[in-house]
Protein backbone atom coordinates (compact mmCIF):
# COMPACT_ATOMS: atom_id res chain seq x y z
CA MET A 1 0.14 -0.03 -0.08
CA ASP A 2 1.41 3.14 -1.21
CA ASN A 3 1.36 6.36 0.81
CA ASP A 4 -1.16 7.85 -1.69
CA LEU A 5 -3.81 5.14 -1.00
CA LYS A 6 -3.41 5.35 2.82
CA THR A 7 -3.85 8.98 2.68
CA SER A 8 -6.81 8.69 0.84
CA LEU A 9 -8.41 6.16 2.88
CA TRP A 10 -7.36 8.17 6.16
CA ASN A 11 -8.93 11.44 4.71
CA VAL A 12 -12.07 9.19 4.15
CA LEU A 13 -12.21 8.17 7.62
CA THR A 14 -11.67 11.92 8.65
CA ILE A 15 -14.50 13.21 6.24
CA VAL A 16 -17.22 10.54 6.84
CA PHE A 17 -16.27 10.00 10.69
CA PHE A 18 -13.81 12.21 12.61
CA GLU A 19 -15.04 15.35 11.38
CA ARG A 20 -18.65 14.97 12.51
CA LEU A 21 -17.83 14.31 16.10
CA ASP A 22 -20.09 16.72 17.99
CA SER A 23 -17.82 17.09 21.09
CA GLU A 24 -14.08 17.71 22.11
CA TRP A 25 -14.62 15.06 24.83
CA ILE A 26 -15.13 11.59 23.74
CA SER A 27 -17.16 10.81 26.77
CA ARG A 28 -19.49 13.31 25.87
CA SER A 29 -19.94 12.49 22.38
CA LYS A 30 -23.08 10.25 21.16
CA TYR A 31 -19.94 7.84 19.55
CA SER A 32 -18.36 7.03 22.86
CA TRP A 33 -19.62 3.60 22.93
CA PHE A 34 -17.89 3.36 19.39
CA PHE A 35 -14.42 4.53 20.68
CA ARG A 36 -14.30 2.30 23.53
CA ARG A 37 -15.38 -0.50 21.22
CA MET A 38 -12.53 0.10 18.92
CA TRP A 39 -10.03 0.46 21.70
CA ASN A 40 -11.16 -2.67 23.41
CA ILE A 41 -12.03 -5.05 20.40
CA HIS A 42 -10.02 -3.81 17.35
CA LEU A 43 -7.23 -2.07 18.95
CA LYS A 44 -6.90 -4.71 22.09
CA MET A 45 -5.71 -1.55 24.15
CA PRO A 46 -7.03 -1.22 27.75
CA ILE A 47 -9.86 1.40 27.76
CA ASP A 48 -8.61 3.51 30.43
CA SER A 49 -5.45 4.18 27.95
CA MET A 50 -7.49 6.15 25.62
CA ASN A 51 -7.35 9.89 26.30
CA ASP A 52 -10.86 11.08 26.51
CA PHE A 53 -9.73 14.30 24.82
CA TYR A 54 -10.95 13.76 21.29
CA GLN A 55 -7.94 15.55 19.61
CA HIS A 56 -5.68 13.34 21.53
CA THR A 57 -7.10 10.39 20.69
CA TYR A 58 -7.54 11.50 17.20
CA LYS A 59 -3.77 11.97 17.12
CA GLN A 60 -2.89 8.95 18.22
CA LEU A 61 -5.01 7.00 15.77
CA ARG A 62 -3.46 8.98 12.97
CA ALA A 63 0.05 8.21 13.94
CA TRP A 64 -0.93 4.67 14.34
CA PHE A 65 -2.74 4.62 10.91
CA PHE A 66 -0.05 5.50 8.95
CA ASN A 67 2.59 3.46 10.56
CA TRP A 68 0.46 0.08 10.08
CA HIS A 69 1.14 -2.34 7.68
CA TRP A 70 -1.44 -2.60 4.71
CA TYR A 71 -3.18 -5.68 6.17
CA GLU A 72 -3.40 -3.50 9.28
CA VAL A 73 -5.05 -0.44 7.48
CA TYR A 74 -7.99 -2.73 5.79
CA ASP A 75 -8.64 -4.51 9.23
CA PHE A 76 -9.32 -1.04 10.51
CA LEU A 77 -11.39 -0.31 7.46
CA GLU A 78 -13.27 -3.15 8.05
CA PHE A 79 -14.06 -2.48 11.63
CA PHE A 80 -15.58 0.80 10.68
CA ALA A 81 -17.44 -0.60 7.73
CA GLN A 82 -18.78 -3.62 10.16
CA ASP A 83 -18.98 -1.80 13.89
CA GLY A 84 -19.33 1.89 12.89
CA PRO A 85 -22.12 4.16 13.05
CA GLU A 86 -24.80 2.86 10.45
CA GLU A 87 -25.68 6.29 9.85
CA TYR A 88 -22.46 6.68 7.80
CA ASN A 89 -22.09 3.44 6.60
CA ASP A 90 -22.98 3.63 3.10
CA LEU A 91 -21.28 6.77 2.57
CA PHE A 92 -18.15 5.58 4.35
CA ILE A 93 -18.21 2.21 1.97
CA GLU A 94 -19.04 4.22 -1.15
CA LEU A 95 -15.86 6.60 -0.29
CA CYS A 96 -13.44 4.03 0.43
CA ASN A 97 -14.58 2.20 -2.62
CA ASN A 98 -13.77 5.44 -4.63
CA ALA A 99 -10.49 6.15 -3.19
CA LEU A 100 -9.31 2.12 -3.64
CA GLU A 101 -10.41 2.44 -7.25
CA ARG A 102 -8.66 5.81 -8.01
CA GLU A 103 -5.47 4.85 -6.66
CA MET A 104 -5.65 1.37 -8.43
CA SER A 105 -5.73 -0.80 -5.35
CA ALA A 106 -6.37 -4.54 -6.03
CA TYR A 107 -9.03 -4.27 -3.24
CA ARG A 108 -12.72 -3.10 -2.65
CA LEU A 109 -14.69 -2.90 0.47
CA ILE A 110 -17.97 -5.31 0.03
CA ASN A 111 -20.16 -6.41 2.68
CA GLY A 112 -18.20 -5.07 5.21
CA GLU A 113 -15.10 -6.79 4.23
CA ILE A 114 -12.13 -6.03 2.14
CA VAL A 115 -11.82 -8.29 -0.88
CA GLU A 116 -9.37 -8.83 -3.51
CA ILE A 117 -10.80 -8.08 -6.97
CA THR A 118 -9.60 -8.67 -10.58
CA ASP A 119 -12.51 -6.71 -12.47
CA GLN A 120 -16.09 -4.99 -12.20
CA ASN A 121 -17.75 -8.38 -13.24
CA GLU A 122 -16.05 -9.97 -9.97
CA ILE A 123 -17.23 -6.87 -8.06
CA ASN A 124 -20.70 -7.19 -9.42
CA SER A 125 -20.94 -10.82 -8.79
CA ILE A 126 -19.76 -10.83 -5.00
CA THR A 127 -22.02 -8.07 -4.33
CA GLN A 128 -25.07 -10.17 -5.78
């Protein structure tokens, strides 16, 4: 995964989810449950290691994201697609797939999973 693709995918996460947070404090956000679930289930970090100040946590996630291997980035995207706020799910998947296609990735996000593809016919077949 090159830096252009990784940046495009981070930008999707930021635009669809992180920019929409309504509080400086995670515990006061309507998404506090999601952050705690992410910390516990996906990142496998002690919940008390998560800083409640949103900007600190965002910067920490960003640093990790840009240091992860390609498969860790795709796992993170799958977590958002499967467990993220439903209200943003369709937009998230659409923008991820736009970025994956634009950056010529061999993967797409289909039914909440990263799937290796070879052509548009294969995507249509998997989706159906």
